[in-house]
Amino acid sequence: MGKNLVIDIGNTLIKISIFDNTEIEKQHKFEHSADEDIQSLIKNVVFRNCIISNVGIENPIWLSPIKEKSQKLIIFNHETSI
């Protein structure tokens, strides 16, 4: 089925979890200043889909590679209508 990436961009930390089906395979926590570390993680992880919840950074520089790699991408932020 493939792996999924779940990213929570909060006010304090950026949390990234890698799921293999329904099981969490890895979890990472980053400061907002860790753009290079986040880019490296995204570059080296094979995933099919991604969900991002964003209350923090408007447009992180590492979002573009996620858009390129994801078959499906869902972003929840202040513009998401419910």
PDB file of N, CA and C in Angstrom:
ATOM      1  N   MET A   1       0.825  -1.193   0.000  1.00  0.00           N
ATOM      2  CA  MET A   1       0.000   0.000   0.000  1.00  0.00           C
ATOM      3  C   MET A   1       0.870   1.258   0.000  1.00  0.00           C
ATOM      4  N   GLY A   2       2.000   1.255   0.654  1.00  0.00           N
ATOM      5  CA  GLY A   2       2.880   2.419   0.645  1.00  0.00           C
ATOM      6  C   GLY A   2       2.843   3.194   1.939  1.00  0.00           C
ATOM      7  N   LYS A   3       3.832   4.030   2.079  1.00  0.00           N
ATOM      8  CA  LYS A   3       3.960   4.827   3.296  1.00  0.00           C
ATOM      9  C   LYS A   3       3.310   6.190   3.117  1.00  0.00           C
ATOM     10  N   ASN A   4       2.887   6.734   4.240  1.00  0.00           N
ATOM     11  CA  ASN A   4       2.278   8.056   4.265  1.00  0.00           C
ATOM     12  C   ASN A   4       3.044   8.949   5.215  1.00  0.00           C
ATOM     13  N   LEU A   5       3.092  10.223   4.889  1.00  0.00           N
ATOM     14  CA  LEU A   5       3.770  11.221   5.684  1.00  0.00           C
ATOM     15  C   LEU A   5       2.706  12.120   6.299  1.00  0.00           C
ATOM     16  N   VAL A   6       2.802  12.356   7.606  1.00  0.00           N
ATOM     17  CA  VAL A   6       1.887  13.257   8.293  1.00  0.00           C
ATOM     18  C   VAL A   6       2.728  14.325   8.972  1.00  0.00           C
ATOM     19  N   ILE A   7       2.418  15.591   8.677  1.00  0.00           N
ATOM     20  CA  ILE A   7       3.221  16.703   9.187  1.00  0.00           C
ATOM     21  C   ILE A   7       2.315  17.676   9.932  1.00  0.00           C
ATOM     22  N   ASP A   8       2.715  18.002  11.149  1.00  0.00           N
ATOM     23  CA  ASP A   8       2.006  18.982  11.963  1.00  0.00           C
ATOM     24  C   ASP A   8       2.935  20.175  12.158  1.00  0.00           C
ATOM     25  N   ILE A   9       2.618  21.279  11.502  1.00  0.00           N
ATOM     26  CA  ILE A   9       3.405  22.502  11.634  1.00  0.00           C
ATOM     27  C   ILE A   9       2.739  23.350  12.700  1.00  0.00           C
ATOM     28  N   GLY A  10       3.273  23.286  13.896  1.00  0.00           N
ATOM     29  CA  GLY A  10       2.698  24.020  15.015  1.00  0.00           C
ATOM     30  C   GLY A  10       3.407  25.341  15.238  1.00  0.00           C
ATOM     31  N   ASN A  11       2.997  26.022  16.271  1.00  0.00           N
ATOM     32  CA  ASN A  11       3.614  27.305  16.610  1.00  0.00           C
ATOM     33  C   ASN A  11       5.022  27.129  17.158  1.00  0.00           C
ATOM     34  N   THR A  12       5.297  26.007  17.814  1.00  0.00           N
ATOM     35  CA  THR A  12       6.595  25.780  18.446  1.00  0.00           C
ATOM     36  C   THR A  12       7.453  24.778  17.690  1.00  0.00           C
ATOM     37  N   LEU A  13       6.866  23.643  17.301  1.00  0.00           N
ATOM     38  CA  LEU A  13       7.613  22.562  16.663  1.00  0.00           C
ATOM     39  C   LEU A  13       6.943  22.120  15.371  1.00  0.00           C
ATOM     40  N   ILE A  14       7.741  21.459  14.543  1.00  0.00           N
ATOM     41  CA  ILE A  14       7.233  20.760  13.369  1.00  0.00           C
ATOM     42  C   ILE A  14       7.396  19.279  13.661  1.00  0.00           C
ATOM     43  N   LYS A  15       6.277  18.555  13.660  1.00  0.00           N
ATOM     44  CA  LYS A  15       6.313  17.124  13.953  1.00  0.00           C
ATOM     45  C   LYS A  15       5.988  16.349  12.680  1.00  0.00           C
ATOM     46  N   ILE A  16       6.819  15.365  12.392  1.00  0.00           N
ATOM     47  CA  ILE A  16       6.646  14.562  11.182  1.00  0.00           C
ATOM     48  C   ILE A  16       6.588  13.092  11.580  1.00  0.00           C
ATOM     49  N   SER A  17       5.549  12.404  11.128  1.00  0.00           N
ATOM     50  CA  SER A  17       5.413  10.969  11.363  1.00  0.00           C
ATOM     51  C   SER A  17       5.341  10.256  10.026  1.00  0.00           C
ATOM     52  N   ILE A  18       5.977   9.097   9.970  1.00  0.00           N
ATOM     53  CA  ILE A  18       5.947   8.256   8.782  1.00  0.00           C
ATOM     54  C   ILE A  18       5.134   7.017   9.134  1.00  0.00           C
ATOM     55  N   PHE A  19       4.065   6.798   8.396  1.00  0.00           N
ATOM     56  CA  PHE A  19       3.180   5.668   8.632  1.00  0.00           C
ATOM     57  C   PHE A  19       3.392   4.610   7.558  1.00  0.00           C
ATOM     58  N   ASP A  20       3.412   3.362   7.969  1.00  0.00           N
ATOM     59  CA  ASP A  20       3.365   2.223   7.062  1.00  0.00           C
ATOM     60  C   ASP A  20       2.014   1.574   7.305  1.00  0.00           C
ATOM     61  N   ASN A  21       1.086   1.816   6.403  1.00  0.00           N
ATOM     62  CA  ASN A  21      -0.314   1.468   6.589  1.00  0.00           C
ATOM     63  C   ASN A  21      -0.837   2.184   7.830  1.00  0.00           C
ATOM     64  N   THR A  22      -1.219   1.462   8.877  1.00  0.00           N
ATOM     65  CA  THR A  22      -1.763   2.111  10.071  1.00  0.00           C
ATOM     66  C   THR A  22      -0.755   2.206  11.211  1.00  0.00           C
ATOM     67  N   GLU A  23       0.452   1.738  11.004  1.00  0.00           N
ATOM     68  CA  GLU A  23       1.474   1.733  12.050  1.00  0.00           C
ATOM     69  C   GLU A  23       2.448   2.897  11.877  1.00  0.00           C
ATOM     70  N   ILE A  24       2.735   3.580  12.981  1.00  0.00           N
ATOM     71  CA  ILE A  24       3.753   4.634  12.940  1.00  0.00           C
ATOM     72  C   ILE A  24       5.118   3.968  12.879  1.00  0.00           C
ATOM     73  N   GLU A  25       5.855   4.275  11.823  1.00  0.00           N
ATOM     74  CA  GLU A  25       7.188   3.705  11.635  1.00  0.00           C
ATOM     75  C   GLU A  25       8.264   4.569  12.292  1.00  0.00           C
ATOM     76  N   LYS A  26       8.145   5.880  12.124  1.00  0.00           N
ATOM     77  CA  LYS A  26       9.117   6.815  12.702  1.00  0.00           C
ATOM     78  C   LYS A  26       8.415   8.117  13.036  1.00  0.00           C
ATOM     79  N   GLN A  27       8.935   8.793  14.059  1.00  0.00           N
ATOM     80  CA  GLN A  27       8.448  10.123  14.417  1.00  0.00           C
ATOM     81  C   GLN A  27       9.641  11.042  14.586  1.00  0.00           C
ATOM     82  N   HIS A  28       9.471  12.291  14.148  1.00  0.00           N
ATOM     83  CA  HIS A  28      10.540  13.290  14.234  1.00  0.00           C
ATOM     84  C   HIS A  28       9.942  14.596  14.732  1.00  0.00           C
ATOM     85  N   LYS A  29      10.741  15.335  15.505  1.00  0.00           N
ATOM     86  CA  LYS A  29      10.354  16.675  15.949  1.00  0.00           C
ATOM     87  C   LYS A  29      11.478  17.631  15.575  1.00  0.00           C
ATOM     88  N   PHE A  30      11.094  18.777  15.003  1.00  0.00           N
ATOM     89  CA  PHE A  30      12.069  19.760  14.560  1.00  0.00           C
ATOM     90  C   PHE A  30      11.678  21.150  15.045  1.00  0.00           C
ATOM     91  N   GLU A  31      12.686  21.978  15.299  1.00  0.00           N
ATOM     92  CA  GLU A  31      12.463  23.409  15.509  1.00  0.00           C
ATOM     93  C   GLU A  31      12.141  24.020  14.137  1.00  0.00           C
ATOM     94  N   HIS A  32      11.518  25.166  14.135  1.00  0.00           N
ATOM     95  CA  HIS A  32      11.184  25.829  12.865  1.00  0.00           C
ATOM     96  C   HIS A  32      12.429  26.206  12.065  1.00  0.00           C
ATOM     97  N   SER A  33      13.561  26.318  12.724  1.00  0.00           N
ATOM     98  CA  SER A  33      14.799  26.705  12.042  1.00  0.00           C
ATOM     99  C   SER A  33      15.523  25.526  11.391  1.00  0.00           C
ATOM    100  N   ALA A  34      14.953  24.339  11.449  1.00  0.00           N
ATOM    101  CA  ALA A  34      15.623  23.121  10.963  1.00  0.00           C
ATOM    102  C   ALA A  34      15.261  22.784   9.522  1.00  0.00           C
ATOM    103  N   ASP A  35      15.132  23.787   8.661  1.00  0.00           N
ATOM    104  CA  ASP A  35      14.705  23.555   7.273  1.00  0.00           C
ATOM    105  C   ASP A  35      15.584  22.531   6.550  1.00  0.00           C
ATOM    106  N   GLU A  36      16.901  22.616   6.721  1.00  0.00           N
ATOM    107  CA  GLU A  36      17.799  21.684   6.021  1.00  0.00           C
ATOM    108  C   GLU A  36      17.586  20.247   6.493  1.00  0.00           C
ATOM    109  N   ASP A  37      17.385  20.051   7.783  1.00  0.00           N
ATOM    110  CA  ASP A  37      17.135  18.702   8.314  1.00  0.00           C
ATOM    111  C   ASP A  37      15.811  18.148   7.792  1.00  0.00           C
ATOM    112  N   ILE A  38      14.801  18.997   7.726  1.00  0.00           N
ATOM    113  CA  ILE A  38      13.494  18.570   7.218  1.00  0.00           C
ATOM    114  C   ILE A  38      13.597  18.234   5.735  1.00  0.00           C
ATOM    115  N   GLN A  39      14.294  19.069   4.968  1.00  0.00           N
ATOM    116  CA  GLN A  39      14.469  18.793   3.539  1.00  0.00           C
ATOM    117  C   GLN A  39      15.193  17.467   3.330  1.00  0.00           C
ATOM    118  N   SER A  40      16.194  17.194   4.127  1.00  0.00           N
ATOM    119  CA  SER A  40      16.941  15.942   4.018  1.00  0.00           C
ATOM    120  C   SER A  40      16.042  14.744   4.315  1.00  0.00           C
ATOM    121  N   LEU A  41      15.235  14.850   5.356  1.00  0.00           N
ATOM    122  CA  LEU A  41      14.314  13.769   5.699  1.00  0.00           C
ATOM    123  C   LEU A  41      13.352  13.514   4.548  1.00  0.00           C
ATOM    124  N   ILE A  42      12.740  14.567   4.025  1.00  0.00           N
ATOM    125  CA  ILE A  42      11.767  14.427   2.938  1.00  0.00           C
ATOM    126  C   ILE A  42      12.423  13.828   1.696  1.00  0.00           C
ATOM    127  N   LYS A  43      13.636  14.248   1.423  1.00  0.00           N
ATOM    128  CA  LYS A  43      14.357  13.722   0.265  1.00  0.00           C
ATOM    129  C   LYS A  43      14.617  12.222   0.386  1.00  0.00           C
ATOM    130  N   ASN A  44      14.876  11.751   1.597  1.00  0.00           N
ATOM    131  CA  ASN A  44      15.284  10.361   1.803  1.00  0.00           C
ATOM    132  C   ASN A  44      14.160   9.400   2.167  1.00  0.00           C
ATOM    133  N   VAL A  45      12.957   9.913   2.353  1.00  0.00           N
ATOM    134  CA  VAL A  45      11.824   9.052   2.701  1.00  0.00           C
ATOM    135  C   VAL A  45      11.006   8.771   1.442  1.00  0.00           C
ATOM    136  N   VAL A  46      10.668   7.515   1.249  1.00  0.00           N
ATOM    137  CA  VAL A  46       9.787   7.133   0.152  1.00  0.00           C
ATOM    138  C   VAL A  46       8.365   7.085   0.700  1.00  0.00           C
ATOM    139  N   PHE A  47       7.479   7.901   0.137  1.00  0.00           N
ATOM    140  CA  PHE A  47       6.092   7.937   0.593  1.00  0.00           C
ATOM    141  C   PHE A  47       5.176   8.189  -0.593  1.00  0.00           C
ATOM    142  N   ARG A  48       3.912   7.850  -0.417  1.00  0.00           N
ATOM    143  CA  ARG A  48       2.941   8.039  -1.494  1.00  0.00           C
ATOM    144  C   ARG A  48       2.041   9.246  -1.254  1.00  0.00           C
ATOM    145  N   ASN A  49       1.620   9.424  -0.012  1.00  0.00           N
ATOM    146  CA  ASN A  49       0.632  10.450   0.305  1.00  0.00           C
ATOM    147  C   ASN A  49       1.106  11.269   1.498  1.00  0.00           C
ATOM    148  N   CYS A  50       0.543  12.468   1.621  1.00  0.00           N
ATOM    149  CA  CYS A  50       0.950  13.344   2.711  1.00  0.00           C
ATOM    150  C   CYS A  50      -0.238  14.183   3.174  1.00  0.00           C
ATOM    151  N   ILE A  51      -0.337  14.335   4.493  1.00  0.00           N
ATOM    152  CA  ILE A  51      -1.301  15.250   5.106  1.00  0.00           C
ATOM    153  C   ILE A  51      -0.508  16.255   5.925  1.00  0.00           C
ATOM    154  N   ILE A  52      -0.815  17.531   5.744  1.00  0.00           N
ATOM    155  CA  ILE A  52      -0.135  18.592   6.487  1.00  0.00           C
ATOM    156  C   ILE A  52      -1.178  19.423   7.227  1.00  0.00           C
ATOM    157  N   SER A  53      -0.971  19.597   8.522  1.00  0.00           N
ATOM    158  CA  SER A  53      -1.758  20.517   9.329  1.00  0.00           C
ATOM    159  C   SER A  53      -0.848  21.686   9.657  1.00  0.00           C
ATOM    160  N   ASN A  54      -1.261  22.895   9.293  1.00  0.00           N
ATOM    161  CA  ASN A  54      -0.357  24.038   9.392  1.00  0.00           C
ATOM    162  C   ASN A  54      -0.995  25.210  10.131  1.00  0.00           C
ATOM    163  N   VAL A  55      -0.507  25.466  11.345  1.00  0.00           N
ATOM    164  CA  VAL A  55      -0.886  26.685  12.056  1.00  0.00           C
ATOM    165  C   VAL A  55       0.329  27.583  12.232  1.00  0.00           C
ATOM    166  N   GLY A  56       1.465  27.133  11.704  1.00  0.00           N
ATOM    167  CA  GLY A  56       2.721  27.852  11.895  1.00  0.00           C
ATOM    168  C   GLY A  56       3.173  28.596  10.660  1.00  0.00           C
ATOM    169  N   ILE A  57       4.176  28.068   9.983  1.00  0.00           N
ATOM    170  CA  ILE A  57       4.826  28.713   8.842  1.00  0.00           C
ATOM    171  C   ILE A  57       3.860  28.808   7.665  1.00  0.00           C
ATOM    172  N   GLU A  58       3.871  29.947   6.995  1.00  0.00           N
ATOM    173  CA  GLU A  58       2.973  30.141   5.853  1.00  0.00           C
ATOM    174  C   GLU A  58       3.334  29.233   4.679  1.00  0.00           C
ATOM    175  N   ASN A  59       4.559  29.311   4.167  1.00  0.00           N
ATOM    176  CA  ASN A  59       4.988  28.481   3.042  1.00  0.00           C
ATOM    177  C   ASN A  59       6.396  27.970   3.291  1.00  0.00           C
ATOM    178  N   PRO A  60       6.534  26.834   3.976  1.00  0.00           N
ATOM    179  CA  PRO A  60       7.878  26.322   4.239  1.00  0.00           C
ATOM    180  C   PRO A  60       8.608  25.980   2.939  1.00  0.00           C
ATOM    181  N   ILE A  61       9.921  26.171   2.931  1.00  0.00           N
ATOM    182  CA  ILE A  61      10.686  25.941   1.701  1.00  0.00           C
ATOM    183  C   ILE A  61      10.707  24.462   1.315  1.00  0.00           C
ATOM    184  N   TRP A  62      10.428  23.574   2.246  1.00  0.00           N
ATOM    185  CA  TRP A  62      10.460  22.144   1.954  1.00  0.00           C
ATOM    186  C   TRP A  62       9.108  21.619   1.468  1.00  0.00           C
ATOM    187  N   LEU A  63       8.120  22.501   1.258  1.00  0.00           N
ATOM    188  CA  LEU A  63       6.810  22.066   0.773  1.00  0.00           C
ATOM    189  C   LEU A  63       6.847  21.641  -0.692  1.00  0.00           C
ATOM    190  N   SER A  64       7.658  22.295  -1.496  1.00  0.00           N
ATOM    191  CA  SER A  64       7.733  21.989  -2.925  1.00  0.00           C
ATOM    192  C   SER A  64       8.122  20.533  -3.198  1.00  0.00           C
ATOM    193  N   PRO A  65       9.178  19.984  -2.541  1.00  0.00           N
ATOM    194  CA  PRO A  65       9.506  18.570  -2.781  1.00  0.00           C
ATOM    195  C   PRO A  65       8.396  17.617  -2.358  1.00  0.00           C
ATOM    196  N   ILE A  66       7.641  17.997  -1.342  1.00  0.00           N
ATOM    197  CA  ILE A  66       6.514  17.153  -0.921  1.00  0.00           C
ATOM    198  C   ILE A  66       5.461  17.129  -2.014  1.00  0.00           C
ATOM    199  N   LYS A  67       5.169  18.284  -2.588  1.00  0.00           N
ATOM    200  CA  LYS A  67       4.187  18.355  -3.679  1.00  0.00           C
ATOM    201  C   LYS A  67       4.626  17.505  -4.869  1.00  0.00           C
ATOM    202  N   GLU A  68       5.919  17.497  -5.153  1.00  0.00           N
ATOM    203  CA  GLU A  68       6.438  16.720  -6.276  1.00  0.00           C
ATOM    204  C   GLU A  68       6.376  15.216  -6.019  1.00  0.00           C
ATOM    205  N   LYS A  69       6.606  14.789  -4.788  1.00  0.00           N
ATOM    206  CA  LYS A  69       6.678  13.362  -4.479  1.00  0.00           C
ATOM    207  C   LYS A  69       5.330  12.726  -4.146  1.00  0.00           C
ATOM    208  N   SER A  70       4.365  13.514  -3.706  1.00  0.00           N
ATOM    209  CA  SER A  70       3.092  12.975  -3.223  1.00  0.00           C
ATOM    210  C   SER A  70       2.143  12.652  -4.360  1.00  0.00           C
ATOM    211  N   GLN A  71       1.534  11.477  -4.266  1.00  0.00           N
ATOM    212  CA  GLN A  71       0.437  11.174  -5.175  1.00  0.00           C
ATOM    213  C   GLN A  71      -0.805  11.947  -4.743  1.00  0.00           C
ATOM    214  N   LYS A  72      -1.007  12.024  -3.415  1.00  0.00           N
ATOM    215  CA  LYS A  72      -2.101  12.804  -2.844  1.00  0.00           C
ATOM    216  C   LYS A  72      -1.524  13.672  -1.745  1.00  0.00           C
ATOM    217  N   LEU A  73      -1.948  14.928  -1.726  1.00  0.00           N
ATOM    218  CA  LEU A  73      -1.510  15.865  -0.706  1.00  0.00           C
ATOM    219  C   LEU A  73      -2.724  16.625  -0.198  1.00  0.00           C
ATOM    220  N   ILE A  74      -2.914  16.592   1.115  1.00  0.00           N
ATOM    221  CA  ILE A  74      -3.999  17.336   1.753  1.00  0.00           C
ATOM    222  C   ILE A  74      -3.354  18.301   2.737  1.00  0.00           C
ATOM    223  N   ILE A  75      -3.715  19.584   2.611  1.00  0.00           N
ATOM    224  CA  ILE A  75      -3.178  20.599   3.519  1.00  0.00           C
ATOM    225  C   ILE A  75      -4.342  21.254   4.258  1.00  0.00           C
ATOM    226  N   PHE A  76      -4.276  21.202   5.584  1.00  0.00           N
ATOM    227  CA  PHE A  76      -5.246  21.883   6.425  1.00  0.00           C
ATOM    228  C   PHE A  76      -4.573  23.125   7.000  1.00  0.00           C
ATOM    229  N   ASN A  77      -5.183  24.287   6.767  1.00  0.00           N
ATOM    230  CA  ASN A  77      -4.658  25.535   7.331  1.00  0.00           C
ATOM    231  C   ASN A  77      -5.831  26.502   7.519  1.00  0.00           C
ATOM    232  N   HIS A  78      -5.514  27.762   7.756  1.00  0.00           N
ATOM    233  CA  HIS A  78      -6.551  28.754   8.007  1.00  0.00           C
ATOM    234  C   HIS A  78      -7.462  29.001   6.798  1.00  0.00           C
ATOM    235  N   GLU A  79      -7.046  28.560   5.618  1.00  0.00           N
ATOM    236  CA  GLU A  79      -7.859  28.746   4.419  1.00  0.00           C
ATOM    237  C   GLU A  79      -8.742  27.538   4.101  1.00  0.00           C
ATOM    238  N   THR A  80      -8.584  26.447   4.829  1.00  0.00           N
ATOM    239  CA  THR A  80      -9.340  25.234   4.569  1.00  0.00           C
ATOM    240  C   THR A  80     -10.780  25.417   5.002  1.00  0.00           C
ATOM    241  N   SER A  81     -11.710  25.249   4.048  1.00  0.00           N
ATOM    242  CA  SER A  81     -13.120  25.325   4.411  1.00  0.00           C
ATOM    243  C   SER A  81     -13.606  23.974   4.899  1.00  0.00           C
ATOM    244  N   ILE A  82     -14.428  24.044   5.904  1.00  0.00           N
ATOM    245  CA  ILE A  82     -14.940  22.812   6.521  1.00  0.00           C
ATOM    246  C   ILE A  82     -16.432  22.745   6.312  1.00  0.00           C
TER     247      ILE A  82
END
